[in-house]
Amino acid sequence: MSERAVPARVVAAERLAAEAGFEKSCIPEVGRLLRTAAAAKPGGVVAESGTGSGVGTAWLHSGLGAGARLVTVERDRELARRAAGVFAGDSRVSVLTGDWRLLEPHAPFDVFFCDGGGKRDDPRRVVELLAPGGILVLDDFTPSAEWPPRFEGEVDELRLFYLTHPHLDATEVLTTPASSAIVAARRQTPR
């Protein structure tokens, strides 16, 4: 597969999103980041909160090693059912239906794409679910040239939490001119 090739399961999940009218799918720039993160942990446990139609899941899957496993959760029962169909036949992938906390029994995570529940409502728990050296990816931020980062004129406390957390080495990555992601690794010991 070439660097810019779109994996077949991503195409299938994008088609499912269009059919379902789901407009919040992972963008390709973040998808390639997810593929890289999953590939960095070839035998790891990869998790995703917020499956949606499975586009982000498919990008994670495209970097999944033979010994890795991927668990994702979606609150919308119909979306989860349809996304699970995209991964039928691959026993490394589990699509759960319900609250993001259904991921907890599968932790600790070597890669965690927190795109749904947890990111805003329980960020401390999100960090706790990472294995030492685990990679956390959070997208859908608006770039800020200021420090501390700001959103709509106010300090972005959520972004600040992740960027300054003592258990994380984190940075913000521009994914498009109008969007950014936080990529972090869990430290062995706090700063």
N, C-alpha and C. Protein backbone atom coordinates (compact mmCIF):
# COMPACT_ATOMS: atom_id res chain seq x y z
N MET A 1 0.84 -1.18 0.00
CA MET A 1 0.00 0.00 0.00
C MET A 1 0.89 1.24 0.00
N SER A 2 0.61 2.16 -0.89
CA SER A 2 1.40 3.39 -0.93
C SER A 2 1.04 4.27 0.27
N GLU A 3 1.90 5.24 0.55
CA GLU A 3 1.72 6.14 1.70
C GLU A 3 0.34 6.80 1.69
N ARG A 4 -0.15 7.18 0.53
CA ARG A 4 -1.41 7.92 0.45
C ARG A 4 -2.61 7.04 0.08
N ALA A 5 -2.38 5.75 -0.14
CA ALA A 5 -3.49 4.87 -0.49
C ALA A 5 -4.48 4.80 0.67
N VAL A 6 -5.75 4.75 0.32
CA VAL A 6 -6.79 4.65 1.34
C VAL A 6 -7.17 3.17 1.47
N PRO A 7 -7.01 2.59 2.66
CA PRO A 7 -7.33 1.18 2.85
C PRO A 7 -8.79 0.86 2.50
N ALA A 8 -9.02 -0.34 2.01
CA ALA A 8 -10.36 -0.77 1.57
C ALA A 8 -11.39 -0.65 2.69
N ARG A 9 -11.02 -0.99 3.92
CA ARG A 9 -11.99 -0.89 5.01
C ARG A 9 -12.33 0.57 5.33
N VAL A 10 -11.39 1.48 5.11
CA VAL A 10 -11.69 2.91 5.29
C VAL A 10 -12.74 3.33 4.26
N VAL A 11 -12.56 2.90 3.02
CA VAL A 11 -13.51 3.22 1.96
C VAL A 11 -14.89 2.66 2.32
N ALA A 12 -14.93 1.42 2.81
CA ALA A 12 -16.20 0.80 3.19
C ALA A 12 -16.87 1.56 4.34
N ALA A 13 -16.09 1.98 5.33
CA ALA A 13 -16.64 2.72 6.47
C ALA A 13 -17.10 4.12 6.04
N GLU A 14 -16.38 4.74 5.12
CA GLU A 14 -16.81 6.05 4.60
C GLU A 14 -18.13 5.92 3.84
N ARG A 15 -18.29 4.83 3.09
CA ARG A 15 -19.54 4.58 2.37
C ARG A 15 -20.68 4.38 3.38
N LEU A 16 -20.41 3.63 4.43
CA LEU A 16 -21.41 3.41 5.48
C LEU A 16 -21.80 4.75 6.11
N ALA A 17 -20.83 5.63 6.38
CA ALA A 17 -21.11 6.95 6.97
C ALA A 17 -22.03 7.75 6.06
N ALA A 18 -21.75 7.73 4.75
CA ALA A 18 -22.58 8.47 3.80
C ALA A 18 -24.01 7.93 3.79
N GLU A 19 -24.13 6.60 3.79
CA GLU A 19 -25.47 5.98 3.80
C GLU A 19 -26.24 6.32 5.06
N ALA A 20 -25.54 6.39 6.19
CA ALA A 20 -26.18 6.66 7.49
C ALA A 20 -26.35 8.15 7.78
N GLY A 21 -25.78 8.99 6.93
CA GLY A 21 -25.84 10.43 7.18
C GLY A 21 -24.95 10.85 8.34
N PHE A 22 -23.94 10.05 8.63
CA PHE A 22 -23.02 10.34 9.73
C PHE A 22 -21.92 11.25 9.21
N GLU A 23 -21.81 12.46 9.77
CA GLU A 23 -20.90 13.47 9.23
C GLU A 23 -19.69 13.76 10.10
N LYS A 24 -19.45 12.96 11.12
CA LYS A 24 -18.35 13.27 12.05
C LYS A 24 -17.22 12.25 11.96
N SER A 25 -17.00 11.69 10.79
CA SER A 25 -15.97 10.67 10.63
C SER A 25 -14.57 11.26 10.70
N CYS A 26 -13.64 10.41 11.02
CA CYS A 26 -12.21 10.74 11.07
C CYS A 26 -11.74 11.24 9.71
N ILE A 27 -10.99 12.35 9.72
CA ILE A 27 -10.45 12.87 8.46
C ILE A 27 -9.18 12.09 8.10
N PRO A 28 -8.83 12.05 6.81
CA PRO A 28 -7.65 11.27 6.37
C PRO A 28 -6.35 11.67 7.07
N GLU A 29 -6.18 12.95 7.36
CA GLU A 29 -4.95 13.40 8.02
C GLU A 29 -4.81 12.78 9.40
N VAL A 30 -5.91 12.66 10.13
CA VAL A 30 -5.89 12.00 11.44
C VAL A 30 -5.80 10.49 11.23
N GLY A 31 -6.47 9.98 10.22
CA GLY A 31 -6.42 8.55 9.93
C GLY A 31 -5.00 8.04 9.73
N ARG A 32 -4.21 8.77 8.97
CA ARG A 32 -2.82 8.34 8.74
C ARG A 32 -2.03 8.39 10.05
N LEU A 33 -2.34 9.34 10.92
CA LEU A 33 -1.72 9.40 12.24
C LEU A 33 -2.11 8.17 13.06
N LEU A 34 -3.37 7.77 12.99
CA LEU A 34 -3.83 6.59 13.72
C LEU A 34 -3.16 5.32 13.20
N ARG A 35 -3.03 5.21 11.88
CA ARG A 35 -2.35 4.04 11.30
C ARG A 35 -0.93 3.95 11.83
N THR A 36 -0.25 5.09 11.90
CA THR A 36 1.13 5.12 12.39
C THR A 36 1.20 4.71 13.85
N ALA A 37 0.28 5.23 14.67
CA ALA A 37 0.28 4.89 16.10
C ALA A 37 0.05 3.39 16.30
N ALA A 38 -0.92 2.82 15.58
CA ALA A 38 -1.19 1.38 15.71
C ALA A 38 0.01 0.56 15.25
N ALA A 39 0.65 0.98 14.17
CA ALA A 39 1.81 0.25 13.65
C ALA A 39 2.98 0.29 14.63
N ALA A 40 3.05 1.33 15.45
CA ALA A 40 4.14 1.45 16.43
C ALA A 40 4.00 0.46 17.58
N LYS A 41 2.83 -0.16 17.71
CA LYS A 41 2.57 -1.13 18.80
C LYS A 41 2.05 -2.42 18.18
N PRO A 42 2.91 -3.17 17.45
CA PRO A 42 2.45 -4.31 16.65
C PRO A 42 1.81 -5.46 17.43
N GLY A 43 2.08 -5.57 18.71
CA GLY A 43 1.45 -6.62 19.52
C GLY A 43 0.55 -6.03 20.58
N GLY A 44 0.15 -4.79 20.41
CA GLY A 44 -0.53 -4.05 21.47
C GLY A 44 -2.04 -4.17 21.48
N VAL A 45 -2.58 -3.57 22.53
CA VAL A 45 -4.02 -3.43 22.68
C VAL A 45 -4.36 -2.01 22.23
N VAL A 46 -5.15 -1.92 21.19
CA VAL A 46 -5.53 -0.64 20.60
C VAL A 46 -7.01 -0.42 20.90
N ALA A 47 -7.36 0.79 21.35
CA ALA A 47 -8.74 1.09 21.71
C ALA A 47 -9.20 2.38 21.06
N GLU A 48 -10.52 2.46 20.89
CA GLU A 48 -11.13 3.67 20.35
C GLU A 48 -12.46 3.90 21.06
N SER A 49 -12.65 5.11 21.51
CA SER A 49 -13.93 5.54 22.06
C SER A 49 -14.60 6.39 21.00
N GLY A 50 -15.76 5.96 20.54
CA GLY A 50 -16.48 6.69 19.50
C GLY A 50 -16.26 6.09 18.13
N THR A 51 -16.76 4.89 17.90
CA THR A 51 -16.58 4.19 16.64
C THR A 51 -17.20 4.94 15.47
N GLY A 52 -18.37 5.52 15.70
CA GLY A 52 -19.11 6.13 14.59
C GLY A 52 -19.39 5.07 13.55
N SER A 53 -19.09 5.37 12.30
CA SER A 53 -19.31 4.39 11.22
C SER A 53 -18.09 3.49 11.01
N GLY A 54 -17.03 3.71 11.79
CA GLY A 54 -15.85 2.85 11.71
C GLY A 54 -14.70 3.39 10.89
N VAL A 55 -14.74 4.66 10.48
CA VAL A 55 -13.66 5.20 9.66
C VAL A 55 -12.35 5.25 10.46
N GLY A 56 -12.37 5.83 11.66
CA GLY A 56 -11.16 5.84 12.50
C GLY A 56 -10.72 4.43 12.85
N THR A 57 -11.69 3.58 13.12
CA THR A 57 -11.40 2.18 13.42
C THR A 57 -10.66 1.52 12.25
N ALA A 58 -11.12 1.81 11.05
CA ALA A 58 -10.50 1.23 9.86
C ALA A 58 -9.07 1.74 9.68
N TRP A 59 -8.84 3.02 9.98
CA TRP A 59 -7.47 3.54 9.90
C TRP A 59 -6.59 2.86 10.94
N LEU A 60 -7.09 2.71 12.18
CA LEU A 60 -6.33 1.98 13.20
C LEU A 60 -6.05 0.55 12.72
N HIS A 61 -7.07 -0.08 12.17
CA HIS A 61 -6.95 -1.46 11.69
C HIS A 61 -5.86 -1.57 10.63
N SER A 62 -5.71 -0.55 9.79
CA SER A 62 -4.73 -0.61 8.71
C SER A 62 -3.29 -0.65 9.21
N GLY A 63 -3.07 -0.25 10.47
CA GLY A 63 -1.73 -0.32 11.05
C GLY A 63 -1.58 -1.44 12.07
N LEU A 64 -2.63 -2.21 12.27
CA LEU A 64 -2.67 -3.24 13.30
C LEU A 64 -1.73 -4.40 12.98
N GLY A 65 -0.89 -4.76 13.93
CA GLY A 65 0.00 -5.90 13.76
C GLY A 65 -0.74 -7.21 13.93
N ALA A 66 -0.12 -8.30 13.47
CA ALA A 66 -0.75 -9.62 13.54
C ALA A 66 -1.08 -10.03 14.97
N GLY A 67 -0.26 -9.59 15.95
CA GLY A 67 -0.49 -9.96 17.34
C GLY A 67 -1.27 -8.94 18.13
N ALA A 68 -1.75 -7.89 17.49
CA ALA A 68 -2.47 -6.83 18.18
C ALA A 68 -3.96 -7.13 18.20
N ARG A 69 -4.66 -6.40 19.06
CA ARG A 69 -6.12 -6.47 19.03
C ARG A 69 -6.67 -5.06 19.17
N LEU A 70 -7.85 -4.86 18.61
CA LEU A 70 -8.49 -3.56 18.54
C LEU A 70 -9.89 -3.68 19.11
N VAL A 71 -10.19 -2.84 20.10
CA VAL A 71 -11.53 -2.79 20.68
C VAL A 71 -12.04 -1.36 20.58
N THR A 72 -13.27 -1.22 20.10
CA THR A 72 -13.86 0.09 19.91
C THR A 72 -15.30 0.06 20.42
N VAL A 73 -15.78 1.22 20.84
CA VAL A 73 -17.14 1.29 21.40
C VAL A 73 -17.90 2.46 20.80
N GLU A 74 -19.19 2.21 20.54
CA GLU A 74 -20.09 3.22 19.97
C GLU A 74 -21.43 3.16 20.71
N ARG A 75 -21.95 4.32 21.09
CA ARG A 75 -23.23 4.37 21.80
C ARG A 75 -24.42 4.06 20.90
N ASP A 76 -24.36 4.50 19.65
CA ASP A 76 -25.47 4.29 18.73
C ASP A 76 -25.49 2.84 18.27
N ARG A 77 -26.51 2.11 18.67
CA ARG A 77 -26.60 0.66 18.42
C ARG A 77 -26.52 0.34 16.92
N GLU A 78 -27.25 1.08 16.10
CA GLU A 78 -27.28 0.79 14.66
C GLU A 78 -25.93 1.08 14.00
N LEU A 79 -25.31 2.22 14.37
CA LEU A 79 -23.98 2.52 13.82
C LEU A 79 -22.98 1.44 14.23
N ALA A 80 -23.03 1.04 15.50
CA ALA A 80 -22.10 0.00 15.97
C ALA A 80 -22.30 -1.30 15.21
N ARG A 81 -23.55 -1.68 15.00
CA ARG A 81 -23.84 -2.92 14.28
C ARG A 81 -23.29 -2.86 12.86
N ARG A 82 -23.52 -1.74 12.19
CA ARG A 82 -23.07 -1.60 10.81
C ARG A 82 -21.54 -1.51 10.74
N ALA A 83 -20.93 -0.80 11.68
CA ALA A 83 -19.46 -0.71 11.70
C ALA A 83 -18.85 -2.09 11.94
N ALA A 84 -19.46 -2.88 12.80
CA ALA A 84 -18.94 -4.22 13.07
C ALA A 84 -18.88 -5.04 11.79
N GLY A 85 -19.83 -4.83 10.89
CA GLY A 85 -19.84 -5.55 9.62
C GLY A 85 -18.62 -5.25 8.76
N VAL A 86 -18.05 -4.06 8.91
CA VAL A 86 -16.85 -3.69 8.15
C VAL A 86 -15.67 -4.58 8.56
N PHE A 87 -15.69 -5.07 9.80
CA PHE A 87 -14.56 -5.85 10.33
C PHE A 87 -14.90 -7.33 10.50
N ALA A 88 -16.02 -7.75 9.94
CA ALA A 88 -16.41 -9.16 10.02
C ALA A 88 -15.29 -10.01 9.45
N GLY A 89 -14.99 -11.08 10.12
CA GLY A 89 -13.95 -11.98 9.64
C GLY A 89 -12.58 -11.70 10.23
N ASP A 90 -12.41 -10.61 10.96
CA ASP A 90 -11.12 -10.33 11.60
C ASP A 90 -11.31 -10.42 13.11
N SER A 91 -10.89 -11.52 13.69
CA SER A 91 -11.11 -11.77 15.12
C SER A 91 -10.30 -10.83 16.02
N ARG A 92 -9.38 -10.06 15.45
CA ARG A 92 -8.62 -9.10 16.25
C ARG A 92 -9.45 -7.88 16.62
N VAL A 93 -10.61 -7.67 15.97
CA VAL A 93 -11.41 -6.47 16.15
C VAL A 93 -12.71 -6.79 16.88
N SER A 94 -12.99 -6.01 17.94
CA SER A 94 -14.26 -6.11 18.67
C SER A 94 -14.94 -4.75 18.65
N VAL A 95 -16.19 -4.73 18.21
CA VAL A 95 -16.99 -3.50 18.23
C VAL A 95 -18.04 -3.67 19.32
N LEU A 96 -17.94 -2.83 20.35
CA LEU A 96 -18.87 -2.88 21.47
C LEU A 96 -19.94 -1.80 21.30
N THR A 97 -21.09 -2.03 21.90
CA THR A 97 -22.18 -1.06 21.86
C THR A 97 -22.46 -0.59 23.28
N GLY A 98 -22.38 0.74 23.49
CA GLY A 98 -22.71 1.29 24.79
C GLY A 98 -21.77 2.42 25.18
N ASP A 99 -21.70 2.65 26.48
CA ASP A 99 -20.90 3.72 27.06
C ASP A 99 -19.40 3.42 26.90
N TRP A 100 -18.62 4.47 26.79
CA TRP A 100 -17.18 4.32 26.58
C TRP A 100 -16.51 3.53 27.70
N ARG A 101 -17.09 3.50 28.87
CA ARG A 101 -16.49 2.77 30.00
C ARG A 101 -16.46 1.26 29.78
N LEU A 102 -17.18 0.78 28.76
CA LEU A 102 -17.10 -0.64 28.40
C LEU A 102 -15.69 -1.02 27.95
N LEU A 103 -14.87 -0.02 27.64
CA LEU A 103 -13.48 -0.28 27.25
C LEU A 103 -12.61 -0.66 28.44
N GLU A 104 -12.98 -0.23 29.64
CA GLU A 104 -12.11 -0.39 30.81
C GLU A 104 -11.61 -1.80 31.05
N PRO A 105 -12.43 -2.85 30.92
CA PRO A 105 -11.91 -4.21 31.16
C PRO A 105 -10.81 -4.63 30.17
N HIS A 106 -10.69 -3.93 29.06
CA HIS A 106 -9.69 -4.27 28.04
C HIS A 106 -8.37 -3.53 28.24
N ALA A 107 -8.34 -2.59 29.17
CA ALA A 107 -7.14 -1.78 29.45
C ALA A 107 -6.12 -2.62 30.19
N PRO A 108 -4.86 -2.21 30.19
CA PRO A 108 -4.32 -0.94 29.71
C PRO A 108 -4.11 -0.95 28.20
N PHE A 109 -4.16 0.27 27.62
CA PHE A 109 -4.08 0.41 26.17
C PHE A 109 -2.70 0.89 25.73
N ASP A 110 -2.23 0.27 24.66
CA ASP A 110 -0.97 0.69 24.05
C ASP A 110 -1.21 1.84 23.08
N VAL A 111 -2.42 1.91 22.53
CA VAL A 111 -2.86 3.03 21.70
C VAL A 111 -4.32 3.28 22.07
N PHE A 112 -4.66 4.54 22.31
CA PHE A 112 -6.04 4.89 22.64
C PHE A 112 -6.43 6.13 21.84
N PHE A 113 -7.32 5.93 20.88
CA PHE A 113 -7.90 7.04 20.13
C PHE A 113 -9.19 7.40 20.83
N CYS A 114 -9.13 8.44 21.63
CA CYS A 114 -10.28 8.85 22.43
C CYS A 114 -11.02 9.94 21.66
N ASP A 115 -11.98 9.51 20.85
CA ASP A 115 -12.70 10.40 19.96
C ASP A 115 -14.13 10.60 20.44
N GLY A 116 -14.55 9.85 21.43
CA GLY A 116 -15.92 9.96 21.93
C GLY A 116 -15.91 10.19 23.42
N GLY A 117 -16.68 9.39 24.13
CA GLY A 117 -16.77 9.52 25.58
C GLY A 117 -15.42 9.39 26.26
N GLY A 118 -15.29 10.11 27.36
CA GLY A 118 -14.06 10.09 28.15
C GLY A 118 -13.21 11.32 27.92
N LYS A 119 -13.05 11.71 26.69
CA LYS A 119 -12.16 12.83 26.35
C LYS A 119 -12.49 14.07 27.17
N ARG A 120 -13.77 14.42 27.24
CA ARG A 120 -14.20 15.61 27.97
C ARG A 120 -14.76 15.29 29.35
N ASP A 121 -15.49 14.18 29.48
CA ASP A 121 -16.20 13.93 30.73
C ASP A 121 -15.36 13.24 31.80
N ASP A 122 -14.26 12.59 31.45
CA ASP A 122 -13.41 11.94 32.47
C ASP A 122 -11.97 11.84 31.98
N PRO A 123 -11.32 12.99 31.70
CA PRO A 123 -9.96 12.94 31.15
C PRO A 123 -8.95 12.25 32.06
N ARG A 124 -9.13 12.33 33.37
CA ARG A 124 -8.20 11.64 34.28
C ARG A 124 -8.24 10.13 34.05
N ARG A 125 -9.45 9.60 33.88
CA ARG A 125 -9.59 8.16 33.64
C ARG A 125 -9.00 7.77 32.30
N VAL A 126 -9.14 8.62 31.30
CA VAL A 126 -8.54 8.35 29.98
C VAL A 126 -7.04 8.12 30.15
N VAL A 127 -6.37 8.98 30.89
CA VAL A 127 -4.92 8.84 31.10
C VAL A 127 -4.61 7.56 31.86
N GLU A 128 -5.42 7.24 32.86
CA GLU A 128 -5.20 6.04 33.68
C GLU A 128 -5.31 4.75 32.85
N LEU A 129 -6.08 4.78 31.77
CA LEU A 129 -6.28 3.57 30.96
C LEU A 129 -5.11 3.28 30.03
N LEU A 130 -4.15 4.21 29.94
CA LEU A 130 -2.98 4.01 29.08
C LEU A 130 -1.93 3.15 29.78
N ALA A 131 -1.34 2.24 29.05
CA ALA A 131 -0.19 1.48 29.53
C ALA A 131 1.02 2.41 29.56
N PRO A 132 2.03 2.13 30.38
CA PRO A 132 3.26 2.91 30.27
C PRO A 132 3.79 2.84 28.84
N GLY A 133 4.10 3.97 28.25
CA GLY A 133 4.51 4.03 26.86
C GLY A 133 3.35 4.06 25.89
N GLY A 134 2.12 3.96 26.41
CA GLY A 134 0.94 3.98 25.56
C GLY A 134 0.75 5.33 24.89
N ILE A 135 0.22 5.29 23.68
CA ILE A 135 0.01 6.49 22.87
C ILE A 135 -1.46 6.89 22.92
N LEU A 136 -1.69 8.16 23.21
CA LEU A 136 -3.04 8.72 23.25
C LEU A 136 -3.18 9.69 22.08
N VAL A 137 -4.28 9.57 21.34
CA VAL A 137 -4.57 10.50 20.25
C VAL A 137 -5.95 11.10 20.50
N LEU A 138 -5.99 12.43 20.49
CA LEU A 138 -7.23 13.18 20.67
C LEU A 138 -7.32 14.18 19.52
N ASP A 139 -8.39 14.15 18.75
CA ASP A 139 -8.48 15.08 17.63
C ASP A 139 -9.60 16.09 17.84
N ASP A 140 -9.89 16.83 16.79
CA ASP A 140 -10.97 17.83 16.78
C ASP A 140 -10.69 19.06 17.64
N PHE A 141 -9.44 19.47 17.72
CA PHE A 141 -9.11 20.72 18.38
C PHE A 141 -8.94 21.81 17.32
N THR A 142 -9.11 23.05 17.74
CA THR A 142 -8.88 24.20 16.87
C THR A 142 -7.51 24.76 17.23
N PRO A 143 -6.61 24.89 16.27
CA PRO A 143 -5.26 25.37 16.58
C PRO A 143 -5.28 26.72 17.31
N SER A 144 -4.32 26.88 18.20
CA SER A 144 -4.16 28.13 18.94
C SER A 144 -2.69 28.50 18.93
N ALA A 145 -2.39 29.73 18.58
CA ALA A 145 -1.01 30.20 18.56
C ALA A 145 -0.60 30.75 19.92
N GLU A 146 -1.52 30.75 20.88
CA GLU A 146 -1.25 31.34 22.20
C GLU A 146 -0.93 30.26 23.23
N TRP A 147 -0.25 30.68 24.28
CA TRP A 147 -0.06 29.82 25.46
C TRP A 147 -0.46 30.58 26.69
N PRO A 148 -1.31 30.05 27.52
CA PRO A 148 -1.96 28.75 27.32
C PRO A 148 -2.91 28.79 26.12
N PRO A 149 -3.18 27.60 25.54
CA PRO A 149 -4.03 27.55 24.35
C PRO A 149 -5.43 28.10 24.65
N ARG A 150 -6.00 28.75 23.66
CA ARG A 150 -7.30 29.36 23.82
C ARG A 150 -8.26 28.82 22.76
N PHE A 151 -9.53 28.81 23.12
CA PHE A 151 -10.59 28.46 22.19
C PHE A 151 -11.74 29.42 22.44
N GLU A 152 -12.19 30.07 21.40
CA GLU A 152 -13.27 31.06 21.48
C GLU A 152 -13.00 32.10 22.57
N GLY A 153 -11.75 32.56 22.64
CA GLY A 153 -11.37 33.63 23.55
C GLY A 153 -11.08 33.22 24.98
N GLU A 154 -11.32 31.98 25.32
CA GLU A 154 -11.11 31.49 26.69
C GLU A 154 -9.97 30.47 26.71
N VAL A 155 -9.31 30.34 27.86
CA VAL A 155 -8.29 29.29 28.00
C VAL A 155 -8.97 27.94 27.79
N ASP A 156 -8.36 27.12 26.95
CA ASP A 156 -8.90 25.79 26.66
C ASP A 156 -8.40 24.84 27.74
N GLU A 157 -9.17 24.72 28.79
CA GLU A 157 -8.76 23.92 29.96
C GLU A 157 -8.59 22.44 29.61
N LEU A 158 -9.42 21.93 28.73
CA LEU A 158 -9.31 20.52 28.36
C LEU A 158 -7.98 20.25 27.65
N ARG A 159 -7.67 21.07 26.68
CA ARG A 159 -6.41 20.91 25.96
C ARG A 159 -5.24 21.10 26.90
N LEU A 160 -5.32 22.07 27.77
CA LEU A 160 -4.26 22.34 28.74
C LEU A 160 -4.06 21.14 29.67
N PHE A 161 -5.16 20.49 30.07
CA PHE A 161 -5.07 19.31 30.92
C PHE A 161 -4.17 18.25 30.28
N TYR A 162 -4.45 17.92 29.02
CA TYR A 162 -3.67 16.88 28.35
C TYR A 162 -2.24 17.31 28.05
N LEU A 163 -2.06 18.56 27.64
CA LEU A 163 -0.72 19.03 27.27
C LEU A 163 0.22 19.18 28.46
N THR A 164 -0.33 19.36 29.65
CA THR A 164 0.52 19.58 30.84
C THR A 164 0.41 18.47 31.87
N HIS A 165 -0.29 17.40 31.56
CA HIS A 165 -0.47 16.32 32.54
C HIS A 165 0.89 15.72 32.91
N PRO A 166 1.16 15.53 34.21
CA PRO A 166 2.47 15.04 34.64
C PRO A 166 2.80 13.61 34.20
N HIS A 167 1.81 12.83 33.80
CA HIS A 167 2.06 11.47 33.34
C HIS A 167 2.20 11.36 31.82
N LEU A 168 2.07 12.50 31.12
CA LEU A 168 2.10 12.48 29.66
C LEU A 168 3.22 13.35 29.10
N ASP A 169 3.83 12.87 28.04
CA ASP A 169 4.64 13.71 27.17
C ASP A 169 3.72 13.96 25.98
N ALA A 170 3.31 15.22 25.81
CA ALA A 170 2.27 15.52 24.83
C ALA A 170 2.67 16.68 23.94
N THR A 171 2.13 16.66 22.74
CA THR A 171 2.30 17.77 21.81
C THR A 171 1.03 17.91 20.99
N GLU A 172 0.86 19.08 20.43
CA GLU A 172 -0.27 19.33 19.55
C GLU A 172 0.26 19.33 18.12
N VAL A 173 -0.44 18.62 17.24
CA VAL A 173 -0.03 18.46 15.85
C VAL A 173 -1.10 19.06 14.96
N LEU A 174 -0.69 19.92 14.06
CA LEU A 174 -1.62 20.50 13.09
C LEU A 174 -2.00 19.41 12.09
N THR A 175 -3.29 19.14 11.95
CA THR A 175 -3.73 18.11 11.00
C THR A 175 -4.24 18.74 9.70
N THR A 176 -4.82 19.91 9.79
CA THR A 176 -5.19 20.75 8.64
C THR A 176 -4.96 22.18 9.11
N PRO A 177 -5.04 23.16 8.25
CA PRO A 177 -4.88 24.54 8.72
C PRO A 177 -5.90 24.94 9.80
N ALA A 178 -7.05 24.24 9.85
CA ALA A 178 -8.09 24.61 10.80
C ALA A 178 -8.33 23.58 11.91
N SER A 179 -7.51 22.53 11.97
CA SER A 179 -7.72 21.50 12.99
C SER A 179 -6.40 20.95 13.50
N SER A 180 -6.44 20.46 14.73
CA SER A 180 -5.24 19.88 15.32
C SER A 180 -5.61 18.68 16.18
N ALA A 181 -4.59 17.92 16.52
CA ALA A 181 -4.75 16.75 17.39
C ALA A 181 -3.68 16.81 18.47
N ILE A 182 -3.99 16.23 19.60
CA ILE A 182 -2.99 16.06 20.65
C ILE A 182 -2.53 14.61 20.57
N VAL A 183 -1.23 14.45 20.55
CA VAL A 183 -0.61 13.13 20.57
C VAL A 183 0.24 13.09 21.83
N ALA A 184 0.03 12.05 22.64
CA ALA A 184 0.74 11.96 23.91
C ALA A 184 1.20 10.53 24.16
N ALA A 185 2.26 10.39 24.94
CA ALA A 185 2.73 9.08 25.37
C ALA A 185 2.75 9.08 26.90
N ARG A 186 2.30 8.00 27.48
CA ARG A 186 2.28 7.88 28.94
C ARG A 186 3.70 7.59 29.43
N ARG A 187 4.16 8.39 30.36
CA ARG A 187 5.49 8.24 30.94
C ARG A 187 5.50 7.09 31.94
N GLN A 188 6.68 6.50 32.13
CA GLN A 188 6.86 5.45 33.15
C GLN A 188 6.66 6.03 34.55
N THR A 189 7.22 7.25 34.74
CA THR A 189 7.09 7.95 36.02
C THR A 189 6.67 9.38 35.74
N PRO A 190 5.92 10.01 36.65
CA PRO A 190 5.51 11.38 36.40
C PRO A 190 6.66 12.35 36.40
N ARG A 191 6.46 13.48 35.71
CA ARG A 191 7.48 14.54 35.69
C ARG A 191 7.61 15.12 37.07
